[in-house]
Full PDB file with SEQRES, HELIX, SHEET, SSBOND, CRYST1, ORIGX, SCALE, CONECT and MASTER records, all heavy atoms in Angstrom:
SEQRES   1 A   35  SER GLY GLU PHE VAL PRO MET GLU SER LEU SER THR VAL          
SEQRES   2 A   35  GLN ASN ALA ARG SER TYR ALA GLY GLU GLY SER PHE ARG          
SEQRES   3 A   35  GLN LEU GLU GLN ALA LEU ASP GLY ARG                          
HELIX    1 AA1 MET A    7  LEU A   10  5                                   4    
HELIX    2 AA2 ALA A   16  ALA A   20  1                                   5    
HELIX    3 AA3 ARG A   26  LEU A   32  1                                   7    
CRYST1    1.000    1.000    1.000  90.00  90.00  90.00 P 1           1          
ORIGX1      1.000000  0.000000  0.000000        0.00000                         
ORIGX2      0.000000  1.000000  0.000000        0.00000                         
ORIGX3      0.000000  0.000000  1.000000        0.00000                         
SCALE1      1.000000  0.000000  0.000000        0.00000                         
SCALE2      0.000000  1.000000  0.000000        0.00000                         
SCALE3      0.000000  0.000000  1.000000        0.00000                         
ATOM      1  N   SER A   1       0.810  -1.222   0.000  1.00  0.00           N  
ATOM      2  CA  SER A   1       0.000   0.000   0.000  1.00  0.00           C  
ATOM      3  C   SER A   1       0.842   1.269   0.000  1.00  0.00           C  
ATOM      4  O   SER A   1       0.376   2.322  -0.428  1.00  0.00           O  
ATOM      5  CB  SER A   1      -0.913   0.004   1.236  1.00  0.00           C  
ATOM      6  OG  SER A   1      -0.145   0.226   2.415  1.00  0.00           O  
ATOM      7  N   GLY A   2       2.069   1.203   0.526  1.00  0.00           N  
ATOM      8  CA  GLY A   2       2.887   2.398   0.698  1.00  0.00           C  
ATOM      9  C   GLY A   2       2.587   3.142   1.982  1.00  0.00           C  
ATOM     10  O   GLY A   2       3.235   4.146   2.290  1.00  0.00           O  
ATOM     11  N   GLU A   3       1.634   2.645   2.759  1.00  0.00           N  
ATOM     12  CA  GLU A   3       1.281   3.284   4.038  1.00  0.00           C  
ATOM     13  C   GLU A   3       1.923   2.500   5.187  1.00  0.00           C  
ATOM     14  O   GLU A   3       1.650   1.314   5.365  1.00  0.00           O  
ATOM     15  CB  GLU A   3      -0.231   3.306   4.231  1.00  0.00           C  
ATOM     16  CG  GLU A   3      -0.662   3.894   5.565  1.00  0.00           C  
ATOM     17  CD  GLU A   3      -2.159   3.764   5.809  1.00  0.00           C  
ATOM     18  OE1 GLU A   3      -2.891   3.399   4.857  1.00  0.00           O  
ATOM     19  OE2 GLU A   3      -2.588   4.017   6.954  1.00  0.00           O  
ATOM     20  N   PHE A   4       2.766   3.170   5.962  1.00  0.00           N  
ATOM     21  CA  PHE A   4       3.430   2.517   7.088  1.00  0.00           C  
ATOM     22  C   PHE A   4       2.609   2.682   8.359  1.00  0.00           C  
ATOM     23  O   PHE A   4       2.143   3.780   8.676  1.00  0.00           O  
ATOM     24  CB  PHE A   4       4.827   3.108   7.289  1.00  0.00           C  
ATOM     25  CG  PHE A   4       5.835   2.604   6.297  1.00  0.00           C  
ATOM     26  CD1 PHE A   4       6.031   3.268   5.095  1.00  0.00           C  
ATOM     27  CD2 PHE A   4       6.576   1.468   6.554  1.00  0.00           C  
ATOM     28  CE1 PHE A   4       6.943   2.805   4.175  1.00  0.00           C  
ATOM     29  CE2 PHE A   4       7.495   0.991   5.643  1.00  0.00           C  
ATOM     30  CZ  PHE A   4       7.687   1.662   4.445  1.00  0.00           C  
ATOM     31  N   VAL A   5       2.457   1.570   9.084  1.00  0.00           N  
ATOM     32  CA  VAL A   5       1.691   1.566  10.326  1.00  0.00           C  
ATOM     33  C   VAL A   5       2.521   0.853  11.394  1.00  0.00           C  
ATOM     34  O   VAL A   5       3.412   0.063  11.075  1.00  0.00           O  
ATOM     35  CB  VAL A   5       0.333   0.850  10.147  1.00  0.00           C  
ATOM     36  CG1 VAL A   5      -0.532   1.585   9.140  1.00  0.00           C  
ATOM     37  CG2 VAL A   5       0.533  -0.602   9.732  1.00  0.00           C  
ATOM     38  N   PRO A   6       2.252   1.114  12.694  1.00  0.00           N  
ATOM     39  CA  PRO A   6       2.967   0.371  13.743  1.00  0.00           C  
ATOM     40  C   PRO A   6       2.740  -1.123  13.585  1.00  0.00           C  
ATOM     41  O   PRO A   6       1.614  -1.571  13.341  1.00  0.00           O  
ATOM     42  CB  PRO A   6       2.330   0.889  15.040  1.00  0.00           C  
ATOM     43  CG  PRO A   6       1.775   2.226  14.676  1.00  0.00           C  
ATOM     44  CD  PRO A   6       1.315   2.102  13.255  1.00  0.00           C  
ATOM     45  N   MET A   7       3.801  -1.907  13.686  1.00  0.00           N  
ATOM     46  CA  MET A   7       3.684  -3.326  13.392  1.00  0.00           C  
ATOM     47  C   MET A   7       2.688  -4.035  14.289  1.00  0.00           C  
ATOM     48  O   MET A   7       1.993  -4.946  13.846  1.00  0.00           O  
ATOM     49  CB  MET A   7       5.053  -4.006  13.470  1.00  0.00           C  
ATOM     50  CG  MET A   7       5.797  -3.784  14.766  1.00  0.00           C  
ATOM     51  SD  MET A   7       7.444  -4.517  14.728  1.00  0.00           S  
ATOM     52  CE  MET A   7       7.051  -6.261  14.731  1.00  0.00           C  
ATOM     53  N   GLU A   8       2.561  -3.597  15.540  1.00  0.00           N  
ATOM     54  CA  GLU A   8       1.631  -4.283  16.428  1.00  0.00           C  
ATOM     55  C   GLU A   8       0.176  -4.083  16.008  1.00  0.00           C  
ATOM     56  O   GLU A   8      -0.692  -4.872  16.360  1.00  0.00           O  
ATOM     57  CB  GLU A   8       1.821  -3.838  17.881  1.00  0.00           C  
ATOM     58  CG  GLU A   8       1.551  -2.369  18.157  1.00  0.00           C  
ATOM     59  CD  GLU A   8       2.794  -1.515  18.052  1.00  0.00           C  
ATOM     60  OE1 GLU A   8       3.752  -1.936  17.375  1.00  0.00           O  
ATOM     61  OE2 GLU A   8       2.791  -0.412  18.642  1.00  0.00           O  
ATOM     62  N   SER A   9      -0.093  -3.035  15.220  1.00  0.00           N  
ATOM     63  CA  SER A   9      -1.474  -2.774  14.803  1.00  0.00           C  
ATOM     64  C   SER A   9      -1.955  -3.782  13.763  1.00  0.00           C  
ATOM     65  O   SER A   9      -3.154  -3.850  13.485  1.00  0.00           O  
ATOM     66  CB  SER A   9      -1.584  -1.356  14.232  1.00  0.00           C  
ATOM     67  OG  SER A   9      -0.945  -1.253  12.983  1.00  0.00           O  
ATOM     68  N   LEU A  10      -1.042  -4.578  13.195  1.00  0.00           N  
ATOM     69  CA  LEU A  10      -1.428  -5.549  12.176  1.00  0.00           C  
ATOM     70  C   LEU A  10      -1.988  -6.830  12.761  1.00  0.00           C  
ATOM     71  O   LEU A  10      -2.580  -7.632  12.048  1.00  0.00           O  
ATOM     72  CB  LEU A  10      -0.230  -5.893  11.293  1.00  0.00           C  
ATOM     73  CG  LEU A  10       0.381  -4.732  10.522  1.00  0.00           C  
ATOM     74  CD1 LEU A  10       1.555  -5.221   9.699  1.00  0.00           C  
ATOM     75  CD2 LEU A  10      -0.659  -4.080   9.622  1.00  0.00           C  
ATOM     76  N   SER A  11      -1.781  -7.052  14.055  1.00  0.00           N  
ATOM     77  CA  SER A  11      -2.229  -8.297  14.661  1.00  0.00           C  
ATOM     78  C   SER A  11      -3.736  -8.291  14.852  1.00  0.00           C  
ATOM     79  O   SER A  11      -4.333  -7.283  15.217  1.00  0.00           O  
ATOM     80  CB  SER A  11      -1.550  -8.521  16.005  1.00  0.00           C  
ATOM     81  OG  SER A  11      -2.065  -9.674  16.628  1.00  0.00           O  
ATOM     82  N   THR A  12      -4.359  -9.459  14.625  1.00  0.00           N  
ATOM     83  CA  THR A  12      -5.787  -9.611  14.903  1.00  0.00           C  
ATOM     84  C   THR A  12      -6.017 -10.159  16.303  1.00  0.00           C  
ATOM     85  O   THR A  12      -7.154 -10.321  16.726  1.00  0.00           O  
ATOM     86  CB  THR A  12      -6.433 -10.563  13.875  1.00  0.00           C  
ATOM     87  OG1 THR A  12      -5.756 -11.821  13.916  1.00  0.00           O  
ATOM     88  CG2 THR A  12      -6.323  -9.981  12.470  1.00  0.00           C  
ATOM     89  N   VAL A  13      -4.923 -10.422  17.020  1.00  0.00           N  
ATOM     90  CA  VAL A  13      -5.033 -10.935  18.378  1.00  0.00           C  
ATOM     91  C   VAL A  13      -5.420  -9.787  19.302  1.00  0.00           C  
ATOM     92  O   VAL A  13      -4.820  -8.722  19.271  1.00  0.00           O  
ATOM     93  CB  VAL A  13      -3.698 -11.571  18.838  1.00  0.00           C  
ATOM     94  CG1 VAL A  13      -3.806 -12.097  20.251  1.00  0.00           C  
ATOM     95  CG2 VAL A  13      -3.296 -12.678  17.872  1.00  0.00           C  
ATOM     96  N   GLN A  14      -6.399 -10.001  20.154  1.00  0.00           N  
ATOM     97  CA  GLN A  14      -6.904  -8.919  20.984  1.00  0.00           C  
ATOM     98  C   GLN A  14      -5.853  -8.389  21.944  1.00  0.00           C  
ATOM     99  O   GLN A  14      -5.822  -7.201  22.254  1.00  0.00           O  
ATOM    100  CB  GLN A  14      -8.125  -9.390  21.775  1.00  0.00           C  
ATOM    101  CG  GLN A  14      -9.373  -9.558  20.910  1.00  0.00           C  
ATOM    102  CD  GLN A  14     -10.591  -9.862  21.747  1.00  0.00           C  
ATOM    103  OE1 GLN A  14     -10.494 -10.296  22.893  1.00  0.00           O  
ATOM    104  NE2 GLN A  14     -11.760  -9.643  21.183  1.00  0.00           N  
ATOM    105  N   ASN A  15      -4.979  -9.263  22.456  1.00  0.00           N  
ATOM    106  CA  ASN A  15      -3.983  -8.808  23.408  1.00  0.00           C  
ATOM    107  C   ASN A  15      -2.650  -8.527  22.715  1.00  0.00           C  
ATOM    108  O   ASN A  15      -1.585  -8.708  23.271  1.00  0.00           O  
ATOM    109  CB  ASN A  15      -3.762  -9.822  24.534  1.00  0.00           C  
ATOM    110  CG  ASN A  15      -3.209 -11.140  24.010  1.00  0.00           C  
ATOM    111  OD1 ASN A  15      -3.242 -11.394  22.820  1.00  0.00           O  
ATOM    112  ND2 ASN A  15      -2.710 -11.963  24.911  1.00  0.00           N  
ATOM    113  N   ALA A  16      -2.731  -8.054  21.452  1.00  0.00           N  
ATOM    114  CA  ALA A  16      -1.512  -7.843  20.662  1.00  0.00           C  
ATOM    115  C   ALA A  16      -0.542  -6.910  21.364  1.00  0.00           C  
ATOM    116  O   ALA A  16       0.661  -7.101  21.307  1.00  0.00           O  
ATOM    117  CB  ALA A  16      -1.882  -7.271  19.287  1.00  0.00           C  
ATOM    118  N   ARG A  17      -1.051  -5.904  22.063  1.00  0.00           N  
ATOM    119  CA  ARG A  17      -0.140  -4.941  22.663  1.00  0.00           C  
ATOM    120  C   ARG A  17       0.691  -5.567  23.781  1.00  0.00           C  
ATOM    121  O   ARG A  17       1.841  -5.201  23.999  1.00  0.00           O  
ATOM    122  CB  ARG A  17      -0.900  -3.715  23.178  1.00  0.00           C  
ATOM    123  CG  ARG A  17      -1.431  -2.869  22.039  1.00  0.00           C  
ATOM    124  CD  ARG A  17      -1.917  -1.510  22.519  1.00  0.00           C  
ATOM    125  NE  ARG A  17      -2.283  -0.672  21.390  1.00  0.00           N  
ATOM    126  CZ  ARG A  17      -1.446   0.070  20.699  1.00  0.00           C  
ATOM    127  NH1 ARG A  17      -0.165   0.073  21.022  1.00  0.00           N  
ATOM    128  NH2 ARG A  17      -1.858   0.807  19.688  1.00  0.00           N  
ATOM    129  N   SER A  18       0.124  -6.522  24.490  1.00  0.00           N  
ATOM    130  CA  SER A  18       0.915  -7.183  25.518  1.00  0.00           C  
ATOM    131  C   SER A  18       1.973  -8.073  24.894  1.00  0.00           C  
ATOM    132  O   SER A  18       3.005  -8.358  25.500  1.00  0.00           O  
ATOM    133  CB  SER A  18       0.001  -8.033  26.419  1.00  0.00           C  
ATOM    134  OG  SER A  18      -0.569  -9.097  25.677  1.00  0.00           O  
ATOM    135  N   TYR A  19       1.723  -8.487  23.650  1.00  0.00           N  
ATOM    136  CA  TYR A  19       2.677  -9.344  22.940  1.00  0.00           C  
ATOM    137  C   TYR A  19       3.682  -8.528  22.154  1.00  0.00           C  
ATOM    138  O   TYR A  19       4.851  -8.862  22.057  1.00  0.00           O  
ATOM    139  CB  TYR A  19       1.902 -10.261  21.999  1.00  0.00           C  
ATOM    140  CG  TYR A  19       2.747 -11.106  21.071  1.00  0.00           C  
ATOM    141  CD1 TYR A  19       3.693 -11.984  21.559  1.00  0.00           C  
ATOM    142  CD2 TYR A  19       2.579 -11.009  19.694  1.00  0.00           C  
ATOM    143  CE1 TYR A  19       4.454 -12.755  20.691  1.00  0.00           C  
ATOM    144  CE2 TYR A  19       3.327 -11.777  18.819  1.00  0.00           C  
ATOM    145  CZ  TYR A  19       4.266 -12.644  19.337  1.00  0.00           C  
ATOM    146  OH  TYR A  19       5.020 -13.405  18.486  1.00  0.00           O  
ATOM    147  N   ALA A  20       3.202  -7.410  21.549  1.00  0.00           N  
ATOM    148  CA  ALA A  20       4.036  -6.702  20.594  1.00  0.00           C  
ATOM    149  C   ALA A  20       4.219  -5.230  20.917  1.00  0.00           C  
ATOM    150  O   ALA A  20       4.845  -4.518  20.157  1.00  0.00           O  
ATOM    151  CB  ALA A  20       3.420  -6.824  19.203  1.00  0.00           C  
ATOM    152  N   GLY A  21       3.727  -4.774  22.003  1.00  0.00           N  
ATOM    153  CA  GLY A  21       3.684  -3.342  22.232  1.00  0.00           C  
ATOM    154  C   GLY A  21       4.769  -2.802  23.131  1.00  0.00           C  
ATOM    155  O   GLY A  21       5.937  -3.176  23.048  1.00  0.00           O  
ATOM    156  N   GLU A  22       4.372  -1.933  23.992  1.00  0.00           N  
ATOM    157  CA  GLU A  22       5.303  -1.189  24.819  1.00  0.00           C  
ATOM    158  C   GLU A  22       6.222  -2.132  25.593  1.00  0.00           C  
ATOM    159  O   GLU A  22       5.796  -3.119  26.184  1.00  0.00           O  
ATOM    160  CB  GLU A  22       4.516  -0.315  25.805  1.00  0.00           C  
ATOM    161  CG  GLU A  22       5.400   0.596  26.640  1.00  0.00           C  
ATOM    162  CD  GLU A  22       4.584   1.490  27.545  1.00  0.00           C  
ATOM    163  OE1 GLU A  22       3.350   1.417  27.478  1.00  0.00           O  
ATOM    164  OE2 GLU A  22       5.195   2.253  28.302  1.00  0.00           O  
ATOM    165  N   GLY A  23       7.511  -1.801  25.577  1.00  0.00           N  
ATOM    166  CA  GLY A  23       8.477  -2.584  26.332  1.00  0.00           C  
ATOM    167  C   GLY A  23       9.198  -3.639  25.520  1.00  0.00           C  
ATOM    168  O   GLY A  23      10.183  -4.215  25.980  1.00  0.00           O  
ATOM    169  N   SER A  24       8.748  -3.898  24.292  1.00  0.00           N  
ATOM    170  CA  SER A  24       9.348  -4.952  23.499  1.00  0.00           C  
ATOM    171  C   SER A  24      10.803  -4.677  23.161  1.00  0.00           C  
ATOM    172  O   SER A  24      11.601  -5.604  23.025  1.00  0.00           O  
ATOM    173  CB  SER A  24       8.561  -5.146  22.198  1.00  0.00           C  
ATOM    174  OG  SER A  24       7.248  -5.526  22.461  1.00  0.00           O  
ATOM    175  N   PHE A  25      11.167  -3.397  23.029  1.00  0.00           N  
ATOM    176  CA  PHE A  25      12.517  -3.029  22.626  1.00  0.00           C  
ATOM    177  C   PHE A  25      13.267  -2.287  23.738  1.00  0.00           C  
ATOM    178  O   PHE A  25      14.225  -1.573  23.466  1.00  0.00           O  
ATOM    179  CB  PHE A  25      12.464  -2.147  21.380  1.00  0.00           C  
ATOM    180  CG  PHE A  25      11.781  -2.789  20.218  1.00  0.00           C  
ATOM    181  CD1 PHE A  25      10.567  -2.313  19.757  1.00  0.00           C  
ATOM    182  CD2 PHE A  25      12.344  -3.883  19.572  1.00  0.00           C  
ATOM    183  CE1 PHE A  25       9.927  -2.900  18.680  1.00  0.00           C  
ATOM    184  CE2 PHE A  25      11.719  -4.479  18.497  1.00  0.00           C  
ATOM    185  CZ  PHE A  25      10.508  -3.990  18.052  1.00  0.00           C  
ATOM    186  N   ARG A  26      12.848  -2.469  24.976  1.00  0.00           N  
ATOM    187  CA  ARG A  26      13.406  -1.651  26.056  1.00  0.00           C  
ATOM    188  C   ARG A  26      14.922  -1.768  26.166  1.00  0.00           C  
ATOM    189  O   ARG A  26      15.629  -0.762  26.295  1.00  0.00           O  
ATOM    190  CB  ARG A  26      12.730  -2.025  27.376  1.00  0.00           C  
ATOM    191  CG  ARG A  26      13.099  -1.102  28.531  1.00  0.00           C  
ATOM    192  CD  ARG A  26      12.065  -1.213  29.639  1.00  0.00           C  
ATOM    193  NE  ARG A  26      10.759  -0.766  29.175  1.00  0.00           N  
ATOM    194  CZ  ARG A  26       9.611  -1.243  29.650  1.00  0.00           C  
ATOM    195  NH1 ARG A  26       9.595  -2.198  30.565  1.00  0.00           N  
ATOM    196  NH2 ARG A  26       8.463  -0.791  29.196  1.00  0.00           N  
ATOM    197  N   GLN A  27      15.445  -2.991  26.102  1.00  0.00           N  
ATOM    198  CA  GLN A  27      16.894  -3.170  26.230  1.00  0.00           C  
ATOM    199  C   GLN A  27      17.627  -2.510  25.062  1.00  0.00           C  
ATOM    200  O   GLN A  27      18.652  -1.845  25.260  1.00  0.00           O  
ATOM    201  CB  GLN A  27      17.232  -4.659  26.291  1.00  0.00           C  
ATOM    202  CG  GLN A  27      18.715  -4.935  26.527  1.00  0.00           C  
ATOM    203  CD  GLN A  27      18.995  -6.418  26.653  1.00  0.00           C  
ATOM    204  OE1 GLN A  27      18.128  -7.260  26.396  1.00  0.00           O  
ATOM    205  NE2 GLN A  27      20.202  -6.754  27.057  1.00  0.00           N  
ATOM    206  N   LEU A  28      17.083  -2.668  23.866  1.00  0.00           N  
ATOM    207  CA  LEU A  28      17.698  -2.044  22.711  1.00  0.00           C  
ATOM    208  C   LEU A  28      17.596  -0.529  22.784  1.00  0.00           C  
ATOM    209  O   LEU A  28      18.560   0.184  22.432  1.00  0.00           O  
ATOM    210  CB  LEU A  28      17.029  -2.560  21.437  1.00  0.00           C  
ATOM    211  CG  LEU A  28      17.553  -2.008  20.114  1.00  0.00           C  
ATOM    212  CD1 LEU A  28      19.046  -2.275  19.954  1.00  0.00           C  
ATOM    213  CD2 LEU A  28      16.769  -2.618  18.948  1.00  0.00           C  
ATOM    214  N   GLU A  29      16.474  -0.013  23.235  1.00  0.00           N  
ATOM    215  CA  GLU A  29      16.312   1.435  23.372  1.00  0.00           C  
ATOM    216  C   GLU A  29      17.378   2.020  24.283  1.00  0.00           C  
ATOM    217  O   GLU A  29      17.984   3.066  23.984  1.00  0.00           O  
ATOM    218  CB  GLU A  29      14.917   1.745  23.926  1.00  0.00           C  
ATOM    219  CG  GLU A  29      13.796   1.491  22.935  1.00  0.00           C  
ATOM    220  CD  GLU A  29      12.429   1.453  23.584  1.00  0.00           C  
ATOM    221  OE1 GLU A  29      12.345   1.309  24.830  1.00  0.00           O  
ATOM    222  OE2 GLU A  29      11.429   1.562  22.852  1.00  0.00           O  
ATOM    223  N   GLN A  30      17.639   1.354  25.394  1.00  0.00           N  
ATOM    224  CA  GLN A  30      18.663   1.827  26.320  1.00  0.00           C  
ATOM    225  C   GLN A  30      20.049   1.782  25.698  1.00  0.00           C  
ATOM    226  O   GLN A  30      20.871   2.680  25.906  1.00  0.00           O  
ATOM    227  CB  GLN A  30      18.620   0.990  27.602  1.00  0.00           C  
ATOM    228  CG  GLN A  30      17.342   1.182  28.406  1.00  0.00           C  
ATOM    229  CD  GLN A  30      17.215   0.187  29.549  1.00  0.00           C  
ATOM    230  OE1 GLN A  30      17.993  -0.762  29.662  1.00  0.00           O  
ATOM    231  NE2 GLN A  30      16.216   0.390  30.396  1.00  0.00           N  
ATOM    232  N   ALA A  31      20.300   0.741  24.893  1.00  0.00           N  
ATOM    233  CA  ALA A  31      21.606   0.608  24.246  1.00  0.00           C  
ATOM    234  C   ALA A  31      21.815   1.679  23.172  1.00  0.00           C  
ATOM    235  O   ALA A  31      22.954   2.096  22.923  1.00  0.00           O  
ATOM    236  CB  ALA A  31      21.747  -0.778  23.637  1.00  0.00           C  
ATOM    237  N   LEU A  32      20.736   2.131  22.547  1.00  0.00           N  
ATOM    238  CA  LEU A  32      20.837   3.121  21.485  1.00  0.00           C  
ATOM    239  C   LEU A  32      20.888   4.546  22.007  1.00  0.00           C  
ATOM    240  O   LEU A  32      21.389   5.445  21.319  1.00  0.00           O  
ATOM    241  CB  LEU A  32      19.643   2.989  20.527  1.00  0.00           C  
ATOM    242  CG  LEU A  32      19.519   1.683  19.743  1.00  0.00           C  
ATOM    243  CD1 LEU A  32      18.236   1.687  18.917  1.00  0.00           C  
ATOM    244  CD2 LEU A  32      20.725   1.462  18.847  1.00  0.00           C  
ATOM    245  N   ASP A  33      20.390   4.775  23.196  1.00  0.00           N  
ATOM    246  CA  ASP A  33      20.280   6.135  23.730  1.00  0.00           C  
ATOM    247  C   ASP A  33      21.658   6.787  23.834  1.00  0.00           C  
ATOM    248  O   ASP A  33      22.594   6.208  24.402  1.00  0.00           O  
ATOM    249  CB  ASP A  33      19.607   6.096  25.108  1.00  0.00           C  
ATOM    250  CG  ASP A  33      18.990   7.425  25.484  1.00  0.00           C  
ATOM    251  OD1 ASP A  33      18.781   8.271  24.583  1.00  0.00           O  
ATOM    252  OD2 ASP A  33      18.688   7.616  26.680  1.00  0.00           O  
ATOM    253  N   GLY A  34      21.792   7.951  23.258  1.00  0.00           N  
ATOM    254  CA  GLY A  34      23.066   8.650  23.250  1.00  0.00           C  
ATOM    255  C   GLY A  34      23.986   8.241  22.117  1.00  0.00           C  
ATOM    256  O   GLY A  34      25.086   8.776  21.979  1.00  0.00           O  
ATOM    257  N   ARG A  35      23.536   7.317  21.284  1.00  0.00           N  
ATOM    258  CA  ARG A  35      24.358   6.839  20.162  1.00  0.00           C  
ATOM    259  C   ARG A  35      23.622   7.068  18.839  1.00  0.00           C  
ATOM    260  O   ARG A  35      23.651   6.244  17.942  1.00  0.00           O  
ATOM    261  CB  ARG A  35      24.700   5.361  20.341  1.00  0.00           C  
ATOM    262  CG  ARG A  35      25.428   5.027  21.633  1.00  0.00           C  
ATOM    263  CD  ARG A  35      25.945   3.603  21.601  1.00  0.00           C  
ATOM    264  NE  ARG A  35      26.935   3.430  20.529  1.00  0.00           N  
ATOM    265  CZ  ARG A  35      27.275   2.232  20.029  1.00  0.00           C  
ATOM    266  NH1 ARG A  35      26.683   1.134  20.481  1.00  0.00           N  
ATOM    267  NH2 ARG A  35      28.182   2.141  19.059  1.00  0.00           N  
TER     268      ARG A  35                                                      
MASTER        0    0    0    3    0    0    0    6  267    1    0    3          
END                                                                             
């Protein structure tokens, strides 16, 4: 489509955010901060 959306929004699973949402990249986010 050419339209980018948050990847977790593609799931049809009702609890997708607990699976794919906030906190999924926390360790990587900390490693990238300041770099």
